[in-house]
Structure formats: C-alpha cells, structure tokens
Amino acid sequence: MAPVVVRYADFSGNSGQASGSAQCLSGEQAVGGGYYAGGNGLNGPPVVNAPVPGTDGDPATGWQVTILASGGSAFLTARVYVLCQQTGA
C-alpha cells in the first residue's frame, strides 16, 4: 500500500467568512482532509468541510473548507489539509 502524504494550503478572508481548498498532486487521490483555524473566534463547525469534487462516484482529488467567524466581520486565516495517496496508475 502506498504511503499517505499531507498537502495543505493557507487561506484567509474577511467579512467573517473564509474559504480554501488543497489539492493532491497528479497521480494521487484524496483519502481524507480537514482544517485548522485556531484562535480565530469561530462560532461553530465549518459550513463546508468536504472532498473535491463532491460528486457521487468520482475520485476525490482535494479538500475544501468554508469557515465563519462569530464577529461577522472578522479577518480569518486558516489552513486546509488534504491526505493524499498515490494511485496505482
């Protein structure tokens, strides 16, 4: 079995919302993902925390997340992670 590697992308946004995505490299498939946004005043779970593409039956190649801040106008910074594994092709 091929090892799982971590890929990530930093993202930011203002007006209390931020969205970002991280992609696997060519020949890799996403097997999981998540995000870190510590100390940003988040008021709950993310609005989106899902594989890319999110289409039934398609292999995932990345991960996307959208987060909200409790203040509504806060500047947010975060990091989205995708766990990638080399495909057999």
N, C-alpha and C. Protein backbone atom coordinates (compact mmCIF):
# COMPACT_ATOMS: atom_id res chain seq x y z
N MET A 1 0.85 -1.18 0.00
CA MET A 1 0.00 0.00 0.00
C MET A 1 0.90 1.24 0.00
N ALA A 2 0.54 2.20 -0.80
CA ALA A 2 1.30 3.45 -0.91
C ALA A 2 1.11 4.30 0.36
N PRO A 3 2.15 5.03 0.76
CA PRO A 3 2.02 5.89 1.95
C PRO A 3 1.04 7.04 1.70
N VAL A 4 0.47 7.54 2.78
CA VAL A 4 -0.40 8.71 2.73
C VAL A 4 0.45 9.93 3.06
N VAL A 5 0.33 10.98 2.23
CA VAL A 5 1.08 12.21 2.45
C VAL A 5 0.11 13.36 2.70
N VAL A 6 0.60 14.37 3.40
CA VAL A 6 -0.21 15.55 3.71
C VAL A 6 0.14 16.67 2.74
N ARG A 7 -0.86 17.30 2.18
CA ARG A 7 -0.69 18.52 1.39
C ARG A 7 -1.60 19.56 2.05
N TYR A 8 -1.23 20.84 1.95
CA TYR A 8 -2.06 21.87 2.59
C TYR A 8 -1.97 23.18 1.82
N ALA A 9 -2.91 24.05 2.13
CA ALA A 9 -2.93 25.40 1.58
C ALA A 9 -3.45 26.35 2.65
N ASP A 10 -2.78 27.49 2.81
CA ASP A 10 -3.26 28.53 3.72
C ASP A 10 -4.26 29.40 2.98
N PHE A 11 -5.26 29.89 3.70
CA PHE A 11 -6.24 30.78 3.09
C PHE A 11 -6.72 31.79 4.11
N SER A 12 -7.34 32.85 3.64
CA SER A 12 -7.84 33.90 4.52
C SER A 12 -9.04 34.57 3.88
N GLY A 13 -9.73 35.33 4.68
CA GLY A 13 -10.89 36.08 4.18
C GLY A 13 -11.35 37.06 5.23
N ASN A 14 -12.11 38.05 4.80
CA ASN A 14 -12.68 39.00 5.76
C ASN A 14 -14.20 38.95 5.67
N SER A 15 -14.87 39.84 6.32
CA SER A 15 -16.33 39.83 6.43
C SER A 15 -16.82 38.59 7.15
N GLY A 16 -15.96 38.00 7.99
CA GLY A 16 -16.39 36.89 8.82
C GLY A 16 -16.46 35.55 8.14
N GLN A 17 -15.95 35.44 6.90
CA GLN A 17 -16.01 34.16 6.19
C GLN A 17 -14.71 33.95 5.41
N ALA A 18 -14.27 32.70 5.33
CA ALA A 18 -13.09 32.37 4.54
C ALA A 18 -13.27 30.98 3.94
N SER A 19 -12.81 30.82 2.71
CA SER A 19 -12.89 29.54 2.02
C SER A 19 -11.54 29.20 1.40
N GLY A 20 -11.22 27.91 1.39
CA GLY A 20 -9.98 27.49 0.77
C GLY A 20 -10.04 26.03 0.38
N SER A 21 -9.08 25.62 -0.45
CA SER A 21 -9.00 24.22 -0.84
C SER A 21 -7.54 23.83 -1.02
N ALA A 22 -7.27 22.55 -0.84
CA ALA A 22 -5.95 21.97 -1.06
C ALA A 22 -6.12 20.82 -2.03
N GLN A 23 -5.14 20.65 -2.92
CA GLN A 23 -5.23 19.64 -3.97
C GLN A 23 -4.12 18.62 -3.86
N CYS A 24 -4.43 17.39 -4.22
CA CYS A 24 -3.42 16.36 -4.36
C CYS A 24 -2.67 16.59 -5.67
N LEU A 25 -1.48 16.01 -5.77
CA LEU A 25 -0.72 16.09 -7.00
C LEU A 25 -1.27 15.10 -8.02
N SER A 26 -0.89 15.28 -9.26
CA SER A 26 -1.30 14.36 -10.32
C SER A 26 -0.86 12.94 -9.94
N GLY A 27 -1.76 11.99 -10.11
CA GLY A 27 -1.46 10.61 -9.76
C GLY A 27 -1.78 10.26 -8.32
N GLU A 28 -2.29 11.22 -7.56
CA GLU A 28 -2.69 10.98 -6.18
C GLU A 28 -4.21 11.12 -6.04
N GLN A 29 -4.74 10.46 -5.03
CA GLN A 29 -6.17 10.55 -4.73
C GLN A 29 -6.33 10.94 -3.27
N ALA A 30 -7.29 11.81 -2.99
CA ALA A 30 -7.57 12.24 -1.62
C ALA A 30 -8.24 11.11 -0.85
N VAL A 31 -7.76 10.86 0.37
CA VAL A 31 -8.36 9.84 1.23
C VAL A 31 -8.90 10.45 2.52
N GLY A 32 -8.79 11.78 2.65
CA GLY A 32 -9.31 12.47 3.82
C GLY A 32 -8.85 13.91 3.83
N GLY A 33 -9.30 14.66 4.81
CA GLY A 33 -8.90 16.06 4.89
C GLY A 33 -9.50 16.74 6.10
N GLY A 34 -9.18 18.01 6.26
CA GLY A 34 -9.68 18.78 7.38
C GLY A 34 -9.08 20.17 7.36
N TYR A 35 -9.15 20.87 8.49
CA TYR A 35 -8.65 22.25 8.55
C TYR A 35 -8.21 22.60 9.96
N TYR A 36 -7.44 23.69 10.06
CA TYR A 36 -7.06 24.26 11.34
C TYR A 36 -7.25 25.77 11.26
N ALA A 37 -7.97 26.31 12.22
CA ALA A 37 -8.21 27.75 12.26
C ALA A 37 -8.20 28.22 13.70
N GLY A 38 -7.19 27.85 14.45
CA GLY A 38 -7.12 28.17 15.87
C GLY A 38 -7.03 29.66 16.15
N GLY A 39 -7.74 30.10 17.19
CA GLY A 39 -7.67 31.47 17.65
C GLY A 39 -8.37 32.50 16.78
N ASN A 40 -9.29 32.06 15.94
CA ASN A 40 -9.96 32.98 15.03
C ASN A 40 -11.35 33.41 15.48
N GLY A 41 -11.84 32.98 16.62
CA GLY A 41 -13.17 33.36 17.05
C GLY A 41 -14.27 32.67 16.27
N LEU A 42 -14.03 31.43 15.86
CA LEU A 42 -15.05 30.69 15.13
C LEU A 42 -16.23 30.40 16.04
N ASN A 43 -17.42 30.40 15.46
CA ASN A 43 -18.60 30.20 16.30
C ASN A 43 -19.27 28.86 16.08
N GLY A 44 -18.60 27.92 15.50
CA GLY A 44 -19.22 26.61 15.31
C GLY A 44 -18.48 25.82 14.26
N PRO A 45 -19.10 24.75 13.82
CA PRO A 45 -18.47 23.91 12.81
C PRO A 45 -18.39 24.64 11.47
N PRO A 46 -17.54 24.16 10.58
CA PRO A 46 -17.44 24.80 9.26
C PRO A 46 -18.73 24.65 8.47
N VAL A 47 -18.96 25.57 7.57
CA VAL A 47 -20.11 25.50 6.68
C VAL A 47 -19.88 24.40 5.64
N VAL A 48 -18.64 24.31 5.16
CA VAL A 48 -18.24 23.27 4.20
C VAL A 48 -16.96 22.64 4.71
N ASN A 49 -16.90 21.33 4.71
CA ASN A 49 -15.71 20.56 5.05
C ASN A 49 -15.85 19.25 4.27
N ALA A 50 -15.39 19.25 3.00
CA ALA A 50 -15.76 18.18 2.10
C ALA A 50 -14.69 17.91 1.04
N PRO A 51 -14.74 16.70 0.45
CA PRO A 51 -13.81 16.39 -0.63
C PRO A 51 -14.14 17.16 -1.90
N VAL A 52 -13.13 17.27 -2.77
CA VAL A 52 -13.27 17.89 -4.09
C VAL A 52 -12.91 16.84 -5.12
N PRO A 53 -13.69 16.58 -6.15
CA PRO A 53 -15.06 17.07 -6.26
C PRO A 53 -15.97 16.31 -5.31
N GLY A 54 -17.07 16.91 -4.99
CA GLY A 54 -18.03 16.30 -4.09
C GLY A 54 -19.11 15.55 -4.84
N THR A 55 -18.76 14.99 -5.98
CA THR A 55 -19.73 14.30 -6.84
C THR A 55 -19.71 12.81 -6.54
N ASP A 56 -20.87 12.22 -6.37
CA ASP A 56 -21.01 10.80 -6.09
C ASP A 56 -20.33 9.97 -7.18
N GLY A 57 -19.44 9.10 -6.78
CA GLY A 57 -18.78 8.18 -7.70
C GLY A 57 -17.49 8.68 -8.31
N ASP A 58 -17.16 9.96 -8.16
CA ASP A 58 -15.91 10.50 -8.70
C ASP A 58 -14.79 10.39 -7.67
N PRO A 59 -13.57 10.05 -8.09
CA PRO A 59 -12.46 10.01 -7.14
C PRO A 59 -12.15 11.41 -6.62
N ALA A 60 -11.90 11.52 -5.33
CA ALA A 60 -11.58 12.82 -4.73
C ALA A 60 -10.13 13.17 -5.03
N THR A 61 -9.89 14.43 -5.37
CA THR A 61 -8.54 14.90 -5.68
C THR A 61 -8.11 16.07 -4.79
N GLY A 62 -8.97 16.47 -3.86
CA GLY A 62 -8.65 17.58 -2.98
C GLY A 62 -9.63 17.67 -1.83
N TRP A 63 -9.49 18.77 -1.06
CA TRP A 63 -10.38 19.01 0.09
C TRP A 63 -10.70 20.50 0.14
N GLN A 64 -11.94 20.84 0.50
CA GLN A 64 -12.36 22.24 0.59
C GLN A 64 -13.01 22.50 1.94
N VAL A 65 -12.90 23.77 2.39
CA VAL A 65 -13.50 24.17 3.65
C VAL A 65 -13.94 25.62 3.57
N THR A 66 -15.06 25.92 4.21
CA THR A 66 -15.53 27.29 4.41
C THR A 66 -15.84 27.45 5.89
N ILE A 67 -15.28 28.50 6.51
CA ILE A 67 -15.46 28.73 7.94
C ILE A 67 -16.09 30.11 8.16
N LEU A 68 -16.76 30.27 9.31
CA LEU A 68 -17.39 31.53 9.69
C LEU A 68 -16.84 32.00 11.03
N ALA A 69 -16.80 33.31 11.23
CA ALA A 69 -16.37 33.89 12.50
C ALA A 69 -17.57 34.35 13.29
N SER A 70 -17.44 34.36 14.61
CA SER A 70 -18.54 34.78 15.47
C SER A 70 -18.82 36.27 15.36
N GLY A 71 -17.79 37.09 15.02
CA GLY A 71 -17.98 38.53 14.96
C GLY A 71 -18.67 39.02 13.69
N GLY A 72 -18.71 38.21 12.67
CA GLY A 72 -19.38 38.61 11.44
C GLY A 72 -18.52 39.46 10.51
N SER A 73 -17.53 40.16 11.04
CA SER A 73 -16.69 40.99 10.19
C SER A 73 -15.21 40.74 10.43
N ALA A 74 -14.91 39.68 11.13
CA ALA A 74 -13.53 39.38 11.48
C ALA A 74 -12.72 38.93 10.27
N PHE A 75 -11.43 39.21 10.31
CA PHE A 75 -10.49 38.69 9.33
C PHE A 75 -10.07 37.30 9.80
N LEU A 76 -10.19 36.30 8.95
CA LEU A 76 -9.87 34.92 9.30
C LEU A 76 -8.67 34.41 8.53
N THR A 77 -7.87 33.61 9.17
CA THR A 77 -6.81 32.86 8.49
C THR A 77 -6.93 31.42 8.91
N ALA A 78 -6.64 30.51 8.01
CA ALA A 78 -6.77 29.09 8.32
C ALA A 78 -5.91 28.29 7.35
N ARG A 79 -5.85 27.00 7.60
CA ARG A 79 -5.11 26.08 6.74
C ARG A 79 -6.02 24.88 6.48
N VAL A 80 -6.14 24.49 5.22
CA VAL A 80 -6.89 23.31 4.83
C VAL A 80 -5.90 22.22 4.46
N TYR A 81 -6.17 21.02 4.92
CA TYR A 81 -5.30 19.87 4.68
C TYR A 81 -6.02 18.84 3.82
N VAL A 82 -5.27 18.16 2.98
CA VAL A 82 -5.78 17.00 2.26
C VAL A 82 -4.78 15.87 2.44
N LEU A 83 -5.27 14.68 2.71
CA LEU A 83 -4.43 13.48 2.82
C LEU A 83 -4.49 12.77 1.48
N CYS A 84 -3.33 12.57 0.88
CA CYS A 84 -3.27 12.03 -0.48
C CYS A 84 -2.49 10.72 -0.52
N GLN A 85 -2.95 9.84 -1.39
CA GLN A 85 -2.29 8.56 -1.58
C GLN A 85 -2.08 8.32 -3.07
N GLN A 86 -0.90 7.84 -3.42
CA GLN A 86 -0.57 7.55 -4.81
C GLN A 86 -1.52 6.47 -5.33
N THR A 87 -2.06 6.70 -6.53
CA THR A 87 -2.92 5.70 -7.15
C THR A 87 -2.06 4.68 -7.88
N GLY A 88 -2.65 3.59 -8.26
CA GLY A 88 -1.91 2.52 -8.92
C GLY A 88 -1.57 2.81 -10.37
N ALA A 89 -2.10 3.91 -10.94
CA ALA A 89 -1.89 4.18 -12.37
C ALA A 89 -0.50 4.66 -12.67
